[in-house]
Amino acid sequence: LYHLSKSKNVEISFRYFMICLKSKYTKVFAAVGEFLSRHGRGLYVRPLYRALNEVDHAVASKIYREHRSFYHSVIRNMFDPILLQ
């Protein structure tokens, strides 16, 4: 109804994705992947990857591998041991 997954506002999209992942709503995976390909700020990336990993490790790992080079070394050092297994 409100197209929250396509919002241009980063805060709205981030919060919507967090609610979806905590609810284990798997249809949002593609939109989360798109979001993570555009936004590399740790404030958004860390919680989203943690929540995504709790729902589906394989999907989290796939998305992370696709966009790993985009992220800062701090993010890579944090998630390489978790998502590159």
PDB file of N, CA and C in Angstrom:
ATOM      1  N   LEU A   1       0.821  -1.201   0.000  1.00  0.00           N
ATOM      2  CA  LEU A   1       0.000   0.000   0.000  1.00  0.00           C
ATOM      3  C   LEU A   1       0.869   1.271   0.000  1.00  0.00           C
ATOM      4  N   TYR A   2       1.921   1.304   0.850  1.00  0.00           N
ATOM      5  CA  TYR A   2       2.737   2.507   0.973  1.00  0.00           C
ATOM      6  C   TYR A   2       4.062   2.417   0.230  1.00  0.00           C
ATOM      7  N   HIS A   3       4.374   1.265  -0.364  1.00  0.00           N
ATOM      8  CA  HIS A   3       5.614   1.059  -1.120  1.00  0.00           C
ATOM      9  C   HIS A   3       6.857   1.374  -0.291  1.00  0.00           C
ATOM     10  N   LEU A   4       6.868   0.897   0.930  1.00  0.00           N
ATOM     11  CA  LEU A   4       7.978   1.190   1.835  1.00  0.00           C
ATOM     12  C   LEU A   4       9.295   0.580   1.377  1.00  0.00           C
ATOM     13  N   SER A   5       9.247  -0.537   0.687  1.00  0.00           N
ATOM     14  CA  SER A   5      10.484  -1.166   0.224  1.00  0.00           C
ATOM     15  C   SER A   5      11.134  -0.372  -0.905  1.00  0.00           C
ATOM     16  N   LYS A   6      10.371   0.518  -1.526  1.00  0.00           N
ATOM     17  CA  LYS A   6      10.904   1.328  -2.626  1.00  0.00           C
ATOM     18  C   LYS A   6      11.085   2.787  -2.239  1.00  0.00           C
ATOM     19  N   SER A   7      10.976   3.085  -0.967  1.00  0.00           N
ATOM     20  CA  SER A   7      11.099   4.456  -0.494  1.00  0.00           C
ATOM     21  C   SER A   7      12.495   4.999  -0.767  1.00  0.00           C
ATOM     22  N   LYS A   8      12.582   6.257  -1.124  1.00  0.00           N
ATOM     23  CA  LYS A   8      13.873   6.926  -1.342  1.00  0.00           C
ATOM     24  C   LYS A   8      14.491   7.346  -0.008  1.00  0.00           C
ATOM     25  N   ASN A   9      13.697   7.303   1.054  1.00  0.00           N
ATOM     26  CA  ASN A   9      14.181   7.668   2.378  1.00  0.00           C
ATOM     27  C   ASN A   9      14.864   6.454   3.016  1.00  0.00           C
ATOM     28  N   VAL A  10      16.147   6.575   3.287  1.00  0.00           N
ATOM     29  CA  VAL A  10      16.948   5.462   3.812  1.00  0.00           C
ATOM     30  C   VAL A  10      16.426   4.991   5.163  1.00  0.00           C
ATOM     31  N   GLU A  11      16.074   5.897   6.025  1.00  0.00           N
ATOM     32  CA  GLU A  11      15.602   5.538   7.362  1.00  0.00           C
ATOM     33  C   GLU A  11      14.301   4.739   7.303  1.00  0.00           C
ATOM     34  N   ILE A  12      13.403   5.148   6.448  1.00  0.00           N
ATOM     35  CA  ILE A  12      12.132   4.434   6.324  1.00  0.00           C
ATOM     36  C   ILE A  12      12.366   3.032   5.782  1.00  0.00           C
ATOM     37  N   SER A  13      13.154   2.924   4.712  1.00  0.00           N
ATOM     38  CA  SER A  13      13.447   1.608   4.126  1.00  0.00           C
ATOM     39  C   SER A  13      14.133   0.704   5.131  1.00  0.00           C
ATOM     40  N   PHE A  14      15.130   1.230   5.822  1.00  0.00           N
ATOM     41  CA  PHE A  14      15.879   0.438   6.798  1.00  0.00           C
ATOM     42  C   PHE A  14      14.953  -0.117   7.875  1.00  0.00           C
ATOM     43  N   ARG A  15      14.132   0.729   8.443  1.00  0.00           N
ATOM     44  CA  ARG A  15      13.232   0.282   9.511  1.00  0.00           C
ATOM     45  C   ARG A  15      12.205  -0.724   9.002  1.00  0.00           C
ATOM     46  N   TYR A  16      11.708  -0.499   7.806  1.00  0.00           N
ATOM     47  CA  TYR A  16      10.767  -1.444   7.213  1.00  0.00           C
ATOM     48  C   TYR A  16      11.428  -2.809   7.021  1.00  0.00           C
ATOM     49  N   PHE A  17      12.650  -2.823   6.503  1.00  0.00           N
ATOM     50  CA  PHE A  17      13.351  -4.090   6.287  1.00  0.00           C
ATOM     51  C   PHE A  17      13.651  -4.798   7.604  1.00  0.00           C
ATOM     52  N   MET A  18      13.990  -4.057   8.620  1.00  0.00           N
ATOM     53  CA  MET A  18      14.254  -4.675   9.923  1.00  0.00           C
ATOM     54  C   MET A  18      12.982  -5.337  10.477  1.00  0.00           C
ATOM     55  N   ILE A  19      11.860  -4.669  10.359  1.00  0.00           N
ATOM     56  CA  ILE A  19      10.592  -5.254  10.819  1.00  0.00           C
ATOM     57  C   ILE A  19      10.272  -6.518  10.019  1.00  0.00           C
ATOM     58  N   CYS A  20      10.469  -6.453   8.710  1.00  0.00           N
ATOM     59  CA  CYS A  20      10.195  -7.620   7.858  1.00  0.00           C
ATOM     60  C   CYS A  20      11.091  -8.794   8.225  1.00  0.00           C
ATOM     61  N   LEU A  21      12.381  -8.537   8.438  1.00  0.00           N
ATOM     62  CA  LEU A  21      13.303  -9.621   8.760  1.00  0.00           C
ATOM     63  C   LEU A  21      13.032 -10.200  10.144  1.00  0.00           C
ATOM     64  N   LYS A  22      12.684  -9.355  11.094  1.00  0.00           N
ATOM     65  CA  LYS A  22      12.347  -9.869  12.421  1.00  0.00           C
ATOM     66  C   LYS A  22      11.071 -10.703  12.385  1.00  0.00           C
ATOM     67  N   SER A  23      10.206 -10.410  11.415  1.00  0.00           N
ATOM     68  CA  SER A  23       8.975 -11.185  11.232  1.00  0.00           C
ATOM     69  C   SER A  23       9.177 -12.378  10.315  1.00  0.00           C
ATOM     70  N   LYS A  24      10.421 -12.558   9.846  1.00  0.00           N
ATOM     71  CA  LYS A  24      10.781 -13.657   8.938  1.00  0.00           C
ATOM     72  C   LYS A  24       9.981 -13.614   7.638  1.00  0.00           C
ATOM     73  N   TYR A  25       9.777 -12.420   7.131  1.00  0.00           N
ATOM     74  CA  TYR A  25       9.074 -12.209   5.869  1.00  0.00           C
ATOM     75  C   TYR A  25      10.085 -12.330   4.732  1.00  0.00           C
ATOM     76  N   THR A  26      10.138 -13.500   4.114  1.00  0.00           N
ATOM     77  CA  THR A  26      11.194 -13.820   3.150  1.00  0.00           C
ATOM     78  C   THR A  26      11.015 -13.147   1.793  1.00  0.00           C
ATOM     79  N   LYS A  27       9.852 -12.648   1.490  1.00  0.00           N
ATOM     80  CA  LYS A  27       9.637 -11.998   0.195  1.00  0.00           C
ATOM     81  C   LYS A  27      10.387 -10.679   0.061  1.00  0.00           C
ATOM     82  N   VAL A  28      10.964 -10.212   1.155  1.00  0.00           N
ATOM     83  CA  VAL A  28      11.674  -8.935   1.140  1.00  0.00           C
ATOM     84  C   VAL A  28      13.172  -9.105   0.841  1.00  0.00           C
ATOM     85  N   PHE A  29      13.644 -10.333   0.688  1.00  0.00           N
ATOM     86  CA  PHE A  29      15.073 -10.590   0.478  1.00  0.00           C
ATOM     87  C   PHE A  29      15.648  -9.824  -0.709  1.00  0.00           C
ATOM     88  N   ALA A  30      14.958  -9.810  -1.834  1.00  0.00           N
ATOM     89  CA  ALA A  30      15.464  -9.120  -3.028  1.00  0.00           C
ATOM     90  C   ALA A  30      15.590  -7.611  -2.774  1.00  0.00           C
ATOM     91  N   ALA A  31      14.613  -7.040  -2.113  1.00  0.00           N
ATOM     92  CA  ALA A  31      14.649  -5.605  -1.819  1.00  0.00           C
ATOM     93  C   ALA A  31      15.758  -5.280  -0.818  1.00  0.00           C
ATOM     94  N   VAL A  32      15.982  -6.164   0.143  1.00  0.00           N
ATOM     95  CA  VAL A  32      17.078  -5.972   1.099  1.00  0.00           C
ATOM     96  C   VAL A  32      18.418  -6.029   0.368  1.00  0.00           C
ATOM     97  N   GLY A  33      18.554  -6.975  -0.542  1.00  0.00           N
ATOM     98  CA  GLY A  33      19.778  -7.073  -1.339  1.00  0.00           C
ATOM     99  C   GLY A  33      20.027  -5.816  -2.147  1.00  0.00           C
ATOM    100  N   GLU A  34      18.984  -5.274  -2.731  1.00  0.00           N
ATOM    101  CA  GLU A  34      19.102  -4.029  -3.490  1.00  0.00           C
ATOM    102  C   GLU A  34      19.518  -2.878  -2.576  1.00  0.00           C
ATOM    103  N   PHE A  35      18.912  -2.811  -1.412  1.00  0.00           N
ATOM    104  CA  PHE A  35      19.253  -1.776  -0.436  1.00  0.00           C
ATOM    105  C   PHE A  35      20.727  -1.881  -0.034  1.00  0.00           C
ATOM    106  N   LEU A  36      21.178  -3.104   0.250  1.00  0.00           N
ATOM    107  CA  LEU A  36      22.562  -3.307   0.684  1.00  0.00           C
ATOM    108  C   LEU A  36      23.567  -3.083  -0.438  1.00  0.00           C
ATOM    109  N   SER A  37      23.122  -3.078  -1.671  1.00  0.00           N
ATOM    110  CA  SER A  37      24.022  -2.787  -2.781  1.00  0.00           C
ATOM    111  C   SER A  37      24.218  -1.288  -2.966  1.00  0.00           C
ATOM    112  N   ARG A  38      23.329  -0.486  -2.403  1.00  0.00           N
ATOM    113  CA  ARG A  38      23.410   0.967  -2.553  1.00  0.00           C
ATOM    114  C   ARG A  38      23.909   1.683  -1.313  1.00  0.00           C
ATOM    115  N   HIS A  39      23.706   1.085  -0.141  1.00  0.00           N
ATOM    116  CA  HIS A  39      24.050   1.757   1.108  1.00  0.00           C
ATOM    117  C   HIS A  39      25.082   0.934   1.861  1.00  0.00           C
ATOM    118  N   GLY A  40      26.224   1.549   2.153  1.00  0.00           N
ATOM    119  CA  GLY A  40      27.290   0.826   2.821  1.00  0.00           C
ATOM    120  C   GLY A  40      27.561   1.301   4.235  1.00  0.00           C
ATOM    121  N   ARG A  41      26.745   2.205   4.716  1.00  0.00           N
ATOM    122  CA  ARG A  41      26.961   2.736   6.060  1.00  0.00           C
ATOM    123  C   ARG A  41      26.704   1.662   7.113  1.00  0.00           C
ATOM    124  N   GLY A  42      27.649   1.519   8.023  1.00  0.00           N
ATOM    125  CA  GLY A  42      27.575   0.490   9.053  1.00  0.00           C
ATOM    126  C   GLY A  42      26.313   0.542   9.886  1.00  0.00           C
ATOM    127  N   LEU A  43      25.775   1.733  10.077  1.00  0.00           N
ATOM    128  CA  LEU A  43      24.553   1.910  10.850  1.00  0.00           C
ATOM    129  C   LEU A  43      23.401   1.099  10.266  1.00  0.00           C
ATOM    130  N   TYR A  44      23.400   0.920   8.951  1.00  0.00           N
ATOM    131  CA  TYR A  44      22.352   0.158   8.273  1.00  0.00           C
ATOM    132  C   TYR A  44      22.799  -1.260   7.946  1.00  0.00           C
ATOM    133  N   VAL A  45      24.038  -1.406   7.530  1.00  0.00           N
ATOM    134  CA  VAL A  45      24.546  -2.692   7.035  1.00  0.00           C
ATOM    135  C   VAL A  45      24.640  -3.736   8.143  1.00  0.00           C
ATOM    136  N   ARG A  46      25.226  -3.371   9.264  1.00  0.00           N
ATOM    137  CA  ARG A  46      25.420  -4.349  10.351  1.00  0.00           C
ATOM    138  C   ARG A  46      24.113  -4.966  10.840  1.00  0.00           C
ATOM    139  N   PRO A  47      23.129  -4.168  11.228  1.00  0.00           N
ATOM    140  CA  PRO A  47      21.890  -4.786  11.723  1.00  0.00           C
ATOM    141  C   PRO A  47      21.142  -5.586  10.644  1.00  0.00           C
ATOM    142  N   LEU A  48      21.184  -5.107   9.402  1.00  0.00           N
ATOM    143  CA  LEU A  48      20.479  -5.832   8.350  1.00  0.00           C
ATOM    144  C   LEU A  48      21.120  -7.180   8.076  1.00  0.00           C
ATOM    145  N   TYR A  49      22.453  -7.237   8.010  1.00  0.00           N
ATOM    146  CA  TYR A  49      23.101  -8.528   7.782  1.00  0.00           C
ATOM    147  C   TYR A  49      22.903  -9.472   8.961  1.00  0.00           C
ATOM    148  N   ARG A  50      22.919  -8.937  10.168  1.00  0.00           N
ATOM    149  CA  ARG A  50      22.675  -9.800  11.338  1.00  0.00           C
ATOM    150  C   ARG A  50      21.269 -10.386  11.300  1.00  0.00           C
ATOM    151  N   ALA A  51      20.283  -9.543  11.011  1.00  0.00           N
ATOM    152  CA  ALA A  51      18.898 -10.016  10.956  1.00  0.00           C
ATOM    153  C   ALA A  51      18.700 -10.974   9.781  1.00  0.00           C
ATOM    154  N   LEU A  52      19.299 -10.654   8.647  1.00  0.00           N
ATOM    155  CA  LEU A  52      19.187 -11.520   7.474  1.00  0.00           C
ATOM    156  C   LEU A  52      19.847 -12.864   7.732  1.00  0.00           C
ATOM    157  N   ASN A  53      20.968 -12.853   8.415  1.00  0.00           N
ATOM    158  CA  ASN A  53      21.671 -14.091   8.738  1.00  0.00           C
ATOM    159  C   ASN A  53      20.856 -14.975   9.676  1.00  0.00           C
ATOM    160  N   GLU A  54      20.125 -14.370  10.587  1.00  0.00           N
ATOM    161  CA  GLU A  54      19.273 -15.140  11.497  1.00  0.00           C
ATOM    162  C   GLU A  54      18.118 -15.814  10.752  1.00  0.00           C
ATOM    163  N   VAL A  55      17.610 -15.153   9.721  1.00  0.00           N
ATOM    164  CA  VAL A  55      16.490 -15.706   8.964  1.00  0.00           C
ATOM    165  C   VAL A  55      16.970 -16.763   7.980  1.00  0.00           C
ATOM    166  N   ASP A  56      18.030 -16.440   7.210  1.00  0.00           N
ATOM    167  CA  ASP A  56      18.517 -17.374   6.193  1.00  0.00           C
ATOM    168  C   ASP A  56      19.991 -17.099   5.911  1.00  0.00           C
ATOM    169  N   HIS A  57      20.853 -17.945   6.454  1.00  0.00           N
ATOM    170  CA  HIS A  57      22.295 -17.764   6.312  1.00  0.00           C
ATOM    171  C   HIS A  57      22.734 -17.806   4.846  1.00  0.00           C
ATOM    172  N   ALA A  58      22.166 -18.693   4.068  1.00  0.00           N
ATOM    173  CA  ALA A  58      22.562 -18.837   2.663  1.00  0.00           C
ATOM    174  C   ALA A  58      22.270 -17.559   1.867  1.00  0.00           C
ATOM    175  N   VAL A  59      21.135 -16.961   2.090  1.00  0.00           N
ATOM    176  CA  VAL A  59      20.778 -15.722   1.391  1.00  0.00           C
ATOM    177  C   VAL A  59      21.679 -14.580   1.857  1.00  0.00           C
ATOM    178  N   ALA A  60      21.902 -14.488   3.157  1.00  0.00           N
ATOM    179  CA  ALA A  60      22.779 -13.444   3.685  1.00  0.00           C
ATOM    180  C   ALA A  60      24.175 -13.580   3.103  1.00  0.00           C
ATOM    181  N   SER A  61      24.680 -14.788   3.040  1.00  0.00           N
ATOM    182  CA  SER A  61      26.010 -15.035   2.496  1.00  0.00           C
ATOM    183  C   SER A  61      26.077 -14.683   1.013  1.00  0.00           C
ATOM    184  N   LYS A  62      25.056 -15.040   0.262  1.00  0.00           N
ATOM    185  CA  LYS A  62      25.019 -14.747  -1.173  1.00  0.00           C
ATOM    186  C   LYS A  62      25.030 -13.239  -1.428  1.00  0.00           C
ATOM    187  N   ILE A  63      24.184 -12.510  -0.721  1.00  0.00           N
ATOM    188  CA  ILE A  63      24.115 -11.060  -0.887  1.00  0.00           C
ATOM    189  C   ILE A  63      25.432 -10.421  -0.469  1.00  0.00           C
ATOM    190  N   TYR A  64      26.005 -10.891   0.631  1.00  0.00           N
ATOM    191  CA  TYR A  64      27.274 -10.333   1.108  1.00  0.00           C
ATOM    192  C   TYR A  64      28.395 -10.560   0.102  1.00  0.00           C
ATOM    193  N   ARG A  65      28.482 -11.751  -0.451  1.00  0.00           N
ATOM    194  CA  ARG A  65      29.525 -12.054  -1.443  1.00  0.00           C
ATOM    195  C   ARG A  65      29.400 -11.153  -2.675  1.00  0.00           C
ATOM    196  N   GLU A  66      28.183 -10.875  -3.086  1.00  0.00           N
ATOM    197  CA  GLU A  66      27.959 -10.022  -4.258  1.00  0.00           C
ATOM    198  C   GLU A  66      28.416  -8.585  -4.027  1.00  0.00           C
ATOM    199  N   HIS A  67      28.290  -8.104  -2.793  1.00  0.00           N
ATOM    200  CA  HIS A  67      28.544  -6.686  -2.523  1.00  0.00           C
ATOM    201  C   HIS A  67      29.720  -6.435  -1.588  1.00  0.00           C
ATOM    202  N   ARG A  68      30.473  -7.447  -1.275  1.00  0.00           N
ATOM    203  CA  ARG A  68      31.571  -7.357  -0.302  1.00  0.00           C
ATOM    204  C   ARG A  68      32.560  -6.248  -0.652  1.00  0.00           C
ATOM    205  N   SER A  69      32.940  -6.139  -1.902  1.00  0.00           N
ATOM    206  CA  SER A  69      33.956  -5.161  -2.303  1.00  0.00           C
ATOM    207  C   SER A  69      33.479  -3.714  -2.128  1.00  0.00           C
ATOM    208  N   PHE A  70      32.193  -3.513  -2.038  1.00  0.00           N
ATOM    209  CA  PHE A  70      31.603  -2.184  -1.872  1.00  0.00           C
ATOM    210  C   PHE A  70      31.779  -1.652  -0.445  1.00  0.00           C
ATOM    211  N   TYR A  71      31.916  -2.554   0.524  1.00  0.00           N
ATOM    212  CA  TYR A  71      31.924  -2.156   1.928  1.00  0.00           C
ATOM    213  C   TYR A  71      33.304  -1.762   2.430  1.00  0.00           C
ATOM    214  N   HIS A  72      33.294  -0.953   3.463  1.00  0.00           N
ATOM    215  CA  HIS A  72      34.512  -0.527   4.146  1.00  0.00           C
ATOM    216  C   HIS A  72      35.174  -1.735   4.801  1.00  0.00           C
ATOM    217  N   SER A  73      36.476  -1.641   5.010  1.00  0.00           N
ATOM    218  CA  SER A  73      37.222  -2.772   5.579  1.00  0.00           C
ATOM    219  C   SER A  73      36.720  -3.161   6.971  1.00  0.00           C
ATOM    220  N   VAL A  74      36.205  -2.230   7.722  1.00  0.00           N
ATOM    221  CA  VAL A  74      35.675  -2.548   9.057  1.00  0.00           C
ATOM    222  C   VAL A  74      34.486  -3.501   8.934  1.00  0.00           C
ATOM    223  N   ILE A  75      33.609  -3.232   7.989  1.00  0.00           N
ATOM    224  CA  ILE A  75      32.453  -4.106   7.757  1.00  0.00           C
ATOM    225  C   ILE A  75      32.920  -5.464   7.256  1.00  0.00           C
ATOM    226  N   ARG A  76      33.872  -5.468   6.327  1.00  0.00           N
ATOM    227  CA  ARG A  76      34.383  -6.741   5.799  1.00  0.00           C
ATOM    228  C   ARG A  76      35.037  -7.558   6.895  1.00  0.00           C
ATOM    229  N   ASN A  77      35.815  -6.923   7.755  1.00  0.00           N
ATOM    230  CA  ASN A  77      36.468  -7.655   8.848  1.00  0.00           C
ATOM    231  C   ASN A  77      35.445  -8.224   9.833  1.00  0.00           C
ATOM    232  N   MET A  78      34.336  -7.555   9.990  1.00  0.00           N
ATOM    233  CA  MET A  78      33.303  -8.008  10.915  1.00  0.00           C
ATOM    234  C   MET A  78      32.529  -9.194  10.342  1.00  0.00           C
ATOM    235  N   PHE A  79      32.190  -9.150   9.055  1.00  0.00           N
ATOM    236  CA  PHE A  79      31.296 -10.150   8.481  1.00  0.00           C
ATOM    237  C   PHE A  79      31.984 -11.248   7.685  1.00  0.00           C
ATOM    238  N   ASP A  80      33.243 -11.089   7.331  1.00  0.00           N
ATOM    239  CA  ASP A  80      33.946 -12.155   6.606  1.00  0.00           C
ATOM    240  C   ASP A  80      33.913 -13.479   7.371  1.00  0.00           C
ATOM    241  N   PRO A  81      34.241 -13.496   8.672  1.00  0.00           N
ATOM    242  CA  PRO A  81      34.206 -14.781   9.400  1.00  0.00           C
ATOM    243  C   PRO A  81      32.807 -15.386   9.525  1.00  0.00           C
ATOM    244  N   ILE A  82      31.794 -14.554   9.487  1.00  0.00           N
ATOM    245  CA  ILE A  82      30.420 -15.028   9.676  1.00  0.00           C
ATOM    246  C   ILE A  82      29.788 -15.462   8.364  1.00  0.00           C
ATOM    247  N   LEU A  83      29.942 -14.641   7.329  1.00  0.00           N
ATOM    248  CA  LEU A  83      29.196 -14.860   6.088  1.00  0.00           C
ATOM    249  C   LEU A  83      29.986 -15.501   4.958  1.00  0.00           C
ATOM    250  N   LEU A  84      31.281 -15.680   5.133  1.00  0.00           N
ATOM    251  CA  LEU A  84      32.066 -16.317   4.074  1.00  0.00           C
ATOM    252  C   LEU A  84      32.398 -17.768   4.411  1.00  0.00           C
ATOM    253  N   GLN A  85      31.639 -18.375   5.284  1.00  0.00           N
ATOM    254  CA  GLN A  85      31.880 -19.769   5.678  1.00  0.00           C
ATOM    255  C   GLN A  85      31.287 -20.713   4.676  1.00  0.00           C
TER     256      GLN A  85
END
